Structure formats: C-alpha cells, structure tokens
Amino acid sequence: MRSVLWYNINGATFDFSTQTQETNTSLVPVTTADAVTKDAHAVIITTDDFDQAEAIINEIRSKTAVIPVVVLDPSGTSTLWSRIYNVAVCPSPESLFPVFSTMASTVQMLLYSIIQANEKYYSQPYRHLRSDEEKRGYIDPYRKKGRHFEAFNWNHQTVNRPNHGILHAMRKCAYICAVLRFWNKYHHRKSQYFKDLCNPRDVLKLQIMAVFRVAGRLSEIGFSPAKPKQNNTYAYYRKRSSNAMEKVVKSNPELFHFLYHSNEHQLHKDASLLSEESSRDKRIFILKTVHDLDLRRCKAADDYRHYMNIAFSKASKSAESERAKAELTQMAKSTISLTGDRIKRKTKRNGKTFVQLSHHPKLAFDVIFNHLKGKNNIKMI
C-alpha cells in the first residue's frame, strides 16, 4: 500500500474513500512539511489559499524534488505548476489520484533511466576500440602516443567523460520542458506547433532520449564535414547510444509499457532517432536545442552566441521571443555552474561539487530540478 500525504489547508470536507480503495492508497493527513518522508508516494494539497500552498510546496522541495505534489484548483487560476518543479493543478477531486499516480511513476521511471545510464555508460571510462571495430574503419584517438582517456580528477576522485558525462545528460533532460514551452509559443511556423508532445508520455520519451543521446560515445570525436572517417566513427557512437536506450527501456517493464505499450518496434523506431542527426522529426529539433543550450561548458562566449543564433533561427522575431531566448540561455549557464561544471574561458570546474554530483545522480536530480523549478513542468492537465 502506498502512502500519500494530504494537506487540507482550508479544512473543507472531501471523501476520498473510493479513490483510496481503488488505488490501494493510504491517505495520511499532515500539517507541516516535516512530515514528508522518502516513503511518501505523493502529496495532495486542498486549499483556496495558493500563497500558503506555495509556501508548503517550497518547504517540501527543500527536502526533495522527487515527490509529486498535486493541488486542487477548481477555478483553474493557479500558476503553481509553472513556478515549482513536479507540481500539477487539478480541477476536481476525482482527477487528483490519477494525476499524482502518473506523475509519481514518470519521475521514478526517469530516475531509473538516469541511474542505469550512469552505471552502464557515463561512469565508465572511454575505451580502446575492439579489433572488429577497428576493422570497420573507426578511429581510436587513444592509440596515439601520449593520448589519455578523458577524465577529471579532484582530491583522489575521478569523473570519467567529464565533458559528455551524466551531468551534461541530466541538464539536457531538465531543459526539455522549458524548450518545449518556448517552441510551442515562438516557433515561426505557428504557435502550438509542438502541442502534441506536451503530454506525460512524450515528455518522458524526450527526457530519456536526452539522457541517452551521447551514452554510446567511446571518445570525444565529433562530427566534421571534411573528415568522412571521423564522421563514420561519430555515427557509430550514435548507433551505440540508440542501442543503450533500447536496452535500458526494455529492462524496466513498467517503463517499457508506459512509453511503448511493450511494443519493441515502436521503441526501436524512437531509439533510432538518436542516430539520425538529419531527421526532420520534431523531437530531434527539441533534442538539438537542449544540446546546444548546454554548449557553454565547452564553447567560449562568442562561439556560444553563434550556436544560439543557429539554434533559435526558427523562432519568431519579437522582443518577447528575444527575452524568452535570453532566459533560456541564462537558465542553461546557471545550471552548468550550479552542477560544478565550467563556463569556458570564464570559470573552472568546482571540483568538489562536480565530483559529488557526478557520483550521486539522485542528489544531482534534486539539485538540478529544484533549481529550475517550474521550468521543468508542462501544463498537461
């Protein structure tokens, strides 16, 4: 039986007996955020005072970003969902239980994917190519004399793949909702162009795709139009990333069923997008945007501005869209710094923070998603 905490701020009478029986839920009345424990499945807040609700939610978020919070809002006027991470507002008591069930599941499934990606891929050092890989003509830069596998060392602790590691993957994942909101409003073709992706299933798909997009790397080799052999190697890394996503999603039956109804063909089709850099699929457009936003860690200011101009070239031209674009780039730079990563030619990595968060993805999840608050939500209800 799962435990759900209930803050009934205005003291109104609600009968949740049917929902608790049908969902095998224990509803626990509480009055303070101190009651929040890691065992709690979700939090429900019933109130007509949204300022008070926000104060309680902020207290909860100071403890954890993982537990979903659902607020009853019959008027439909609350904007809490847009300011605090993992918060939804519902119009009726009947909608509370299905909503928090979906939210709780998606957060846990995302965390599962992040942890698996880190354990199986990002925490592992780059490696030499196997003989069969070399026979296919792929490049192994580490065969050269004096070349070492990329790693960051601090206080006798090592983070492998520091440039394309788990923190880079998690930041991209955390930008997804803010980028979706931007393009849904400011795409030059039409507003609401990405509305079909603004639902729990497709948002989670995008977040998981962002997590795995560079998981298959074996070195820092990138795309280079003038170097066919290097491009073939880079394409091979993309294919490995696709395979990594497929393996991890299939390893979790709940995740596999929620995203793809356990359909292997559909999973393979989506995972293959990670190896199709030129695809016209709208999801690749979103994934490229979140990737480019995180480039400030490895691009100097002028180069970063150049990449941003390209990334947002399809945005409508207005003062409002320019402000929104500036907010996105500032969001990315602040998140890069928060996770201890470098801002190229401006700040160095904070060794203590970078190592701690790289080694503890659950802690990094709380830090990143709490920092971005409502930027990680899409109003789907």
Protein backbone atom coordinates (compact mmCIF):
# COMPACT_ATOMS: atom_id res chain seq x y z
CA MET A 1 0.00 0.00 0.00
CA ARG A 2 1.36 3.41 -0.97
CA SER A 3 1.28 6.38 1.38
CA VAL A 4 0.01 9.79 0.19
CA LEU A 5 0.24 12.89 2.39
CA TRP A 6 -2.75 15.24 2.48
CA TYR A 7 -2.56 18.93 3.43
CA ASN A 8 -6.15 20.09 3.83
CA ILE A 9 -5.38 23.77 4.44
CA ASN A 10 -8.88 25.21 4.32
CA GLY A 11 -10.46 22.38 6.31
CA ALA A 12 -13.02 21.55 3.62
CA THR A 13 -14.67 18.14 3.63
CA PHE A 14 -13.66 15.63 0.97
CA ASP A 15 -14.47 11.96 0.68
CA PHE A 16 -11.56 10.15 -0.95
CA SER A 17 -12.55 6.70 0.33
CA THR A 18 -13.42 5.32 -3.10
CA GLN A 19 -10.17 6.51 -4.68
CA THR A 20 -8.03 5.21 -1.83
CA GLN A 21 -9.65 1.77 -2.02
CA GLU A 22 -9.41 1.53 -5.79
CA THR A 23 -5.75 2.61 -5.84
CA ASN A 24 -4.64 0.80 -2.67
CA THR A 25 -3.59 4.10 -1.11
CA SER A 26 -3.25 5.20 2.49
CA LEU A 27 -4.16 8.90 2.82
CA VAL A 28 -2.26 10.49 5.72
CA PRO A 29 -3.46 13.93 6.96
CA VAL A 30 -0.49 16.20 7.77
CA THR A 31 0.01 19.85 8.69
CA THR A 32 3.73 20.57 8.18
CA ALA A 33 6.40 19.81 5.58
CA ASP A 34 8.37 17.99 8.29
CA ALA A 35 6.00 15.08 7.73
CA VAL A 36 7.46 14.44 4.27
CA THR A 37 9.45 11.22 4.14
CA LYS A 38 11.14 9.29 1.36
CA ASP A 39 8.44 6.65 1.72
CA ALA A 40 5.66 9.05 0.72
CA HIS A 41 4.34 8.38 -2.78
CA ALA A 42 2.88 11.85 -3.36
CA VAL A 43 1.43 14.94 -1.69
CA ILE A 44 -2.10 16.30 -2.15
CA ILE A 45 -2.97 19.89 -1.19
CA THR A 46 -6.57 21.11 -0.95
CA THR A 47 -6.86 24.85 -0.39
CA ASP A 48 -8.20 28.13 -1.70
CA ASP A 49 -5.06 29.94 -0.50
CA PHE A 50 -2.43 29.32 -3.16
CA ASP A 51 0.15 31.54 -1.44
CA GLN A 52 0.02 29.25 1.56
CA ALA A 53 0.15 26.22 -0.69
CA GLU A 54 3.24 27.60 -2.41
CA ALA A 55 4.99 28.11 0.94
CA ILE A 56 4.31 24.48 1.87
CA ILE A 57 5.48 23.22 -1.53
CA ASN A 58 8.71 25.20 -1.28
CA GLU A 59 9.36 23.59 2.11
CA ILE A 60 8.75 20.17 0.57
CA ARG A 61 11.05 20.97 -2.34
CA SER A 62 13.82 21.95 0.05
CA LYS A 63 13.79 18.29 1.07
CA THR A 64 13.25 16.54 -2.26
CA ALA A 65 12.36 17.15 -5.90
CA VAL A 66 11.15 13.62 -6.48
CA ILE A 67 7.80 13.55 -4.66
CA PRO A 68 4.97 14.87 -6.89
CA VAL A 69 2.62 17.48 -5.48
CA VAL A 70 -0.95 17.84 -6.77
CA VAL A 71 -3.04 20.89 -5.87
CA LEU A 72 -6.82 21.00 -6.15
CA ASP A 73 -7.75 24.08 -8.17
CA PRO A 74 -11.42 24.11 -9.27
CA SER A 75 -11.06 27.68 -10.56
CA GLY A 76 -8.20 26.81 -12.89
CA THR A 77 -6.37 30.02 -11.94
CA SER A 78 -3.33 28.71 -10.04
CA THR A 79 0.03 29.03 -11.78
CA LEU A 80 1.92 26.95 -9.22
CA TRP A 81 2.67 24.36 -11.90
CA SER A 82 4.75 26.97 -13.78
CA ARG A 83 6.91 28.00 -10.81
CA ILE A 84 7.78 24.83 -8.90
CA TYR A 85 9.09 21.52 -10.20
CA ASN A 86 6.90 18.41 -10.24
CA VAL A 87 3.67 20.22 -9.33
CA ALA A 88 0.31 19.80 -11.06
CA VAL A 89 -3.01 21.55 -10.54
CA CYS A 90 -6.26 19.63 -10.95
CA PRO A 91 -9.78 20.94 -11.46
CA SER A 92 -11.66 18.31 -9.45
CA PRO A 93 -11.14 15.91 -6.52
CA GLU A 94 -11.75 12.97 -8.87
CA SER A 95 -8.73 13.94 -11.01
CA LEU A 96 -6.23 14.10 -8.13
CA PHE A 97 -5.45 10.40 -7.81
CA PRO A 98 -4.88 9.51 -11.47
CA VAL A 99 -2.71 12.61 -11.91
CA PHE A 100 -0.34 12.01 -8.99
CA SER A 101 -0.11 8.32 -9.93
CA THR A 102 1.14 9.23 -13.39
CA MET A 103 3.46 11.92 -12.03
CA ALA A 104 4.99 9.65 -9.42
CA SER A 105 5.54 6.91 -11.97
CA THR A 106 7.15 9.17 -14.56
CA VAL A 107 9.59 10.71 -12.07
CA GLN A 108 10.64 7.31 -10.78
CA MET A 109 10.99 5.95 -14.32
CA LEU A 110 13.11 8.94 -15.31
CA LEU A 111 15.33 8.45 -12.27
CA TYR A 112 15.67 4.76 -13.11
CA SER A 113 16.80 5.65 -16.64
CA ILE A 114 19.32 8.21 -15.36
CA ILE A 115 20.81 5.82 -12.81
CA GLN A 116 21.06 2.99 -15.34
CA ALA A 117 22.61 5.28 -17.95
CA ASN A 118 25.21 6.39 -15.42
CA GLU A 119 26.06 2.93 -14.11
CA LYS A 120 26.31 1.27 -17.52
CA TYR A 121 27.74 4.09 -19.62
CA TYR A 122 28.59 7.53 -18.24
CA SER A 123 30.51 6.37 -15.17
CA GLN A 124 32.65 4.07 -17.32
CA PRO A 125 35.88 5.34 -18.86
CA TYR A 126 36.21 5.66 -22.61
CA ARG A 127 37.91 2.59 -24.06
CA HIS A 128 40.05 1.44 -26.94
CA LEU A 129 38.27 0.06 -29.97
CA ARG A 130 37.96 -3.69 -30.26
CA SER A 131 39.62 -5.36 -33.24
CA ASP A 132 36.28 -5.86 -35.01
CA GLU A 133 35.53 -2.14 -34.60
CA GLU A 134 38.92 -1.14 -35.99
CA LYS A 135 38.37 -3.42 -38.99
CA ARG A 136 35.27 -1.37 -39.80
CA GLY A 137 37.49 1.68 -40.13
CA TYR A 138 36.51 3.54 -36.96
CA ILE A 139 39.02 5.87 -35.32
CA ASP A 140 40.63 5.22 -31.93
CA PRO A 141 42.27 8.51 -30.88
CA TYR A 142 43.76 6.90 -27.79
CA ARG A 143 46.12 4.70 -29.82
CA LYS A 144 48.21 7.78 -30.44
CA LYS A 145 51.25 8.19 -28.24
CA GLY A 146 50.60 10.42 -25.25
CA ARG A 147 46.81 10.41 -25.58
CA HIS A 148 44.85 9.55 -22.43
CA PHE A 149 41.20 8.81 -21.80
CA GLU A 150 39.34 11.99 -20.81
CA ALA A 151 38.79 12.21 -17.06
CA PHE A 152 38.51 14.85 -14.36
CA ASN A 153 40.44 14.24 -11.15
CA TRP A 154 39.89 16.02 -7.85
CA ASN A 155 41.04 15.05 -4.36
CA HIS A 156 41.90 11.48 -5.47
CA GLN A 157 38.46 11.03 -7.06
CA THR A 158 37.80 10.60 -10.77
CA VAL A 159 34.92 11.54 -13.04
CA ASN A 160 35.08 9.78 -16.39
CA ARG A 161 33.80 11.51 -19.54
CA PRO A 162 33.59 14.93 -17.83
CA ASN A 163 32.52 16.79 -20.99
CA HIS A 164 29.86 14.31 -22.16
CA GLY A 165 29.02 12.75 -18.79
CA ILE A 166 25.97 12.20 -16.63
CA LEU A 167 25.64 15.85 -15.57
CA HIS A 168 25.58 17.01 -19.19
CA ALA A 169 22.92 14.37 -19.91
CA MET A 170 20.82 15.36 -16.88
CA ARG A 171 20.97 19.06 -17.66
CA LYS A 172 19.71 18.45 -21.19
CA CYS A 173 16.93 16.31 -19.78
CA ALA A 174 16.00 19.11 -17.36
CA TYR A 175 15.82 21.71 -20.16
CA ILE A 176 13.25 19.72 -22.17
CA CYS A 177 10.06 21.25 -20.77
CA ALA A 178 11.31 24.84 -20.91
CA VAL A 179 12.40 24.34 -24.52
CA LEU A 180 9.07 22.74 -25.42
CA ARG A 181 7.25 25.71 -23.95
CA PHE A 182 9.47 28.12 -25.88
CA TRP A 183 9.00 26.46 -29.26
CA ASN A 184 5.32 25.88 -28.67
CA LYS A 185 4.92 29.64 -28.29
CA TYR A 186 7.58 31.16 -30.53
CA HIS A 187 8.12 28.80 -33.48
CA HIS A 188 7.92 30.90 -36.66
CA ARG A 189 5.63 28.43 -38.42
CA LYS A 190 2.75 28.56 -35.97
CA SER A 191 2.05 28.65 -32.25
CA GLN A 192 1.23 25.37 -30.52
CA TYR A 193 3.36 23.60 -33.16
CA PHE A 194 4.72 21.21 -30.50
CA LYS A 195 1.47 20.83 -28.55
CA ASP A 196 1.22 17.14 -29.50
CA LEU A 197 4.40 16.49 -27.47
CA CYS A 198 3.06 18.17 -24.32
CA ASN A 199 1.79 15.10 -22.52
CA PRO A 200 3.38 12.93 -19.80
CA ARG A 201 4.33 10.08 -22.13
CA ASP A 202 6.01 12.16 -24.85
CA VAL A 203 7.75 14.45 -22.37
CA LEU A 204 9.25 11.40 -20.63
CA LYS A 205 10.29 9.96 -24.00
CA LEU A 206 12.10 13.19 -24.84
CA GLN A 207 13.78 13.33 -21.44
CA ILE A 208 15.02 9.76 -21.75
CA MET A 209 16.22 10.38 -25.31
CA ALA A 210 18.14 13.39 -23.99
CA VAL A 211 19.70 11.25 -21.27
CA PHE A 212 20.95 8.61 -23.73
CA ARG A 213 21.83 10.77 -26.72
CA VAL A 214 25.61 10.61 -26.08
CA ALA A 215 25.74 7.49 -23.88
CA GLY A 216 27.37 5.45 -26.64
CA ARG A 217 30.43 7.64 -27.04
CA LEU A 218 33.85 5.97 -26.88
CA SER A 219 35.81 9.22 -27.22
CA GLU A 220 35.38 12.95 -27.71
CA ILE A 221 35.39 12.62 -31.51
CA GLY A 222 32.61 14.71 -33.05
CA PHE A 223 31.02 15.38 -36.41
CA SER A 224 33.28 17.01 -39.01
CA PRO A 225 32.03 17.53 -42.58
CA ALA A 226 35.52 17.33 -44.09
CA LYS A 227 36.53 14.06 -42.38
CA PRO A 228 34.49 11.04 -43.59
CA LYS A 229 36.33 8.52 -41.39
CA GLN A 230 35.73 10.65 -38.30
CA ASN A 231 32.06 11.03 -39.26
CA ASN A 232 31.68 7.26 -39.59
CA THR A 233 33.10 6.87 -36.10
CA TYR A 234 30.74 9.51 -34.76
CA ALA A 235 27.78 7.78 -36.46
CA TYR A 236 28.86 4.55 -34.76
CA TYR A 237 28.69 6.31 -31.38
CA ARG A 238 25.16 7.47 -32.24
CA LYS A 239 24.14 3.91 -33.05
CA ARG A 240 25.57 2.72 -29.75
CA SER A 241 23.52 5.42 -27.98
CA SER A 242 20.36 4.14 -29.68
CA ASN A 243 21.14 0.60 -28.55
CA ALA A 244 21.79 1.80 -25.00
CA MET A 245 18.38 3.47 -24.80
CA GLU A 246 16.65 0.36 -26.12
CA LYS A 247 18.37 -1.92 -23.62
CA VAL A 248 17.57 0.22 -20.58
CA VAL A 249 13.94 0.90 -21.51
CA LYS A 250 13.30 -2.81 -22.13
CA SER A 251 14.94 -3.68 -18.82
CA ASN A 252 12.10 -1.94 -16.92
CA PRO A 253 8.70 -3.49 -17.76
CA GLU A 254 6.75 -0.57 -16.25
CA LEU A 255 8.74 1.97 -18.26
CA PHE A 256 8.54 -0.11 -21.45
CA HIS A 257 4.78 -0.49 -21.12
CA PHE A 258 4.13 3.15 -20.20
CA LEU A 259 6.12 4.56 -23.12
CA TYR A 260 5.55 1.95 -25.81
CA HIS A 261 2.87 -0.49 -24.62
CA SER A 262 5.70 -3.07 -24.70
CA ASN A 263 5.97 -2.70 -28.50
CA GLU A 264 9.59 -3.36 -29.49
CA HIS A 265 9.13 -1.95 -32.99
CA GLN A 266 7.97 1.43 -31.65
CA LEU A 267 10.81 1.55 -29.13
CA HIS A 268 13.36 0.75 -31.85
CA LYS A 269 11.87 3.41 -34.12
CA ASP A 270 12.21 6.10 -31.44
CA ALA A 271 15.64 5.00 -30.23
CA SER A 272 16.88 5.06 -33.84
CA LEU A 273 16.20 8.79 -33.93
CA LEU A 274 19.29 9.21 -31.74
CA SER A 275 21.43 8.06 -34.68
CA GLU A 276 19.60 10.17 -37.27
CA GLU A 277 21.16 13.59 -36.90
CA SER A 278 19.43 14.96 -40.01
CA SER A 279 15.94 13.67 -39.21
CA ARG A 280 13.06 16.13 -39.68
CA ASP A 281 11.24 14.64 -36.68
CA LYS A 282 10.13 17.40 -34.29
CA ARG A 283 11.69 15.57 -31.36
CA ILE A 284 15.15 15.82 -32.91
CA PHE A 285 14.59 19.56 -33.20
CA ILE A 286 13.92 19.71 -29.43
CA LEU A 287 16.91 17.48 -28.63
CA LYS A 288 19.24 19.64 -30.71
CA THR A 289 18.05 22.76 -28.90
CA VAL A 290 18.73 21.34 -25.42
CA HIS A 291 22.11 20.07 -26.62
CA ASP A 292 23.11 23.48 -27.93
CA LEU A 293 21.93 25.27 -24.78
CA ASP A 294 24.44 23.24 -22.78
CA LEU A 295 27.39 24.10 -25.03
CA ARG A 296 28.60 27.00 -22.84
CA ARG A 297 30.61 24.46 -20.85
CA CYS A 298 32.83 23.85 -23.88
CA LYS A 299 32.32 26.91 -26.10
CA ALA A 300 33.63 30.42 -25.48
CA ALA A 301 31.14 33.28 -25.32
CA ASP A 302 31.37 34.33 -28.99
CA ASP A 303 31.11 30.77 -30.26
CA TYR A 304 28.18 30.11 -27.94
CA ARG A 305 26.30 33.14 -29.27
CA HIS A 306 26.88 31.83 -32.79
CA TYR A 307 25.42 28.44 -31.86
CA MET A 308 22.46 30.10 -30.14
CA ASN A 309 21.70 32.18 -33.23
CA ILE A 310 21.58 29.00 -35.29
CA ALA A 311 19.62 27.04 -32.66
CA PHE A 312 16.93 29.72 -32.42
CA SER A 313 16.88 30.78 -36.07
CA LYS A 314 13.34 29.42 -36.47
CA ALA A 315 11.94 31.49 -33.62
CA SER A 316 9.51 34.28 -34.41
CA LYS A 317 11.11 37.74 -34.39
CA SER A 318 9.86 39.84 -31.50
CA ALA A 319 11.13 41.50 -28.35
CA GLU A 320 9.18 38.95 -26.31
CA SER A 321 10.80 35.96 -28.03
CA GLU A 322 14.25 37.52 -27.62
CA ARG A 323 13.64 37.88 -23.88
CA ALA A 324 12.48 34.27 -23.70
CA LYS A 325 15.58 33.13 -25.59
CA ALA A 326 17.79 35.10 -23.19
CA GLU A 327 16.03 33.44 -20.25
CA LEU A 328 16.75 30.01 -21.71
CA THR A 329 20.44 30.71 -22.23
CA GLN A 330 20.73 32.15 -18.72
CA MET A 331 18.91 29.09 -17.36
CA ALA A 332 21.46 26.84 -19.03
CA LYS A 333 24.51 28.81 -17.88
CA SER A 334 23.28 28.95 -14.29
CA THR A 335 22.58 25.20 -14.28
CA ILE A 336 26.01 24.43 -15.72
CA SER A 337 27.63 26.44 -12.93
CA LEU A 338 25.33 25.01 -10.25
CA THR A 339 26.47 21.48 -11.09
CA GLY A 340 30.11 22.48 -10.72
CA ASP A 341 30.88 22.44 -14.43
CA ARG A 342 32.97 25.06 -16.17
CA ILE A 343 31.93 28.10 -18.21
CA LYS A 344 34.62 28.05 -20.87
CA ARG A 345 37.19 30.86 -20.55
CA LYS A 346 35.26 32.27 -17.60
CA THR A 347 35.14 29.80 -14.71
CA LYS A 348 36.82 26.50 -13.94
CA ARG A 349 35.08 23.40 -12.66
CA ASN A 350 34.24 23.34 -8.96
CA GLY A 351 35.91 20.04 -8.17
CA LYS A 352 34.01 19.23 -5.01
CA THR A 353 30.56 19.88 -6.47
CA PHE A 354 31.31 18.35 -9.88
CA VAL A 355 32.64 15.11 -8.39
CA GLN A 356 29.91 14.80 -5.76
CA LEU A 357 27.04 15.27 -8.21
CA SER A 358 28.63 13.10 -10.91
CA HIS A 359 28.96 10.24 -8.42
CA HIS A 360 25.45 10.70 -6.96
CA PRO A 361 22.83 11.13 -9.72
CA LYS A 362 19.91 11.14 -7.25
CA LEU A 363 21.43 14.14 -5.47
CA ALA A 364 22.14 15.78 -8.83
CA PHE A 365 18.50 15.24 -9.80
CA ASP A 366 17.30 17.11 -6.71
CA VAL A 367 19.81 19.93 -7.23
CA ILE A 368 19.08 20.43 -10.94
CA PHE A 369 15.32 20.06 -10.91
CA ASN A 370 14.82 22.14 -7.78
CA HIS A 371 16.99 24.87 -9.28
CA LEU A 372 14.89 25.04 -12.44
CA LYS A 373 11.60 24.80 -10.52
CA GLY A 374 8.58 25.27 -12.78
CA LYS A 375 10.71 25.36 -15.92
CA ASN A 376 10.59 21.57 -15.78
CA ASN A 377 6.80 21.38 -16.00
CA ILE A 378 4.37 21.41 -18.87
CA LYS A 379 0.71 22.21 -18.20
CA MET A 380 -0.79 18.93 -19.40
CA ILE A 381 -3.96 18.79 -17.34
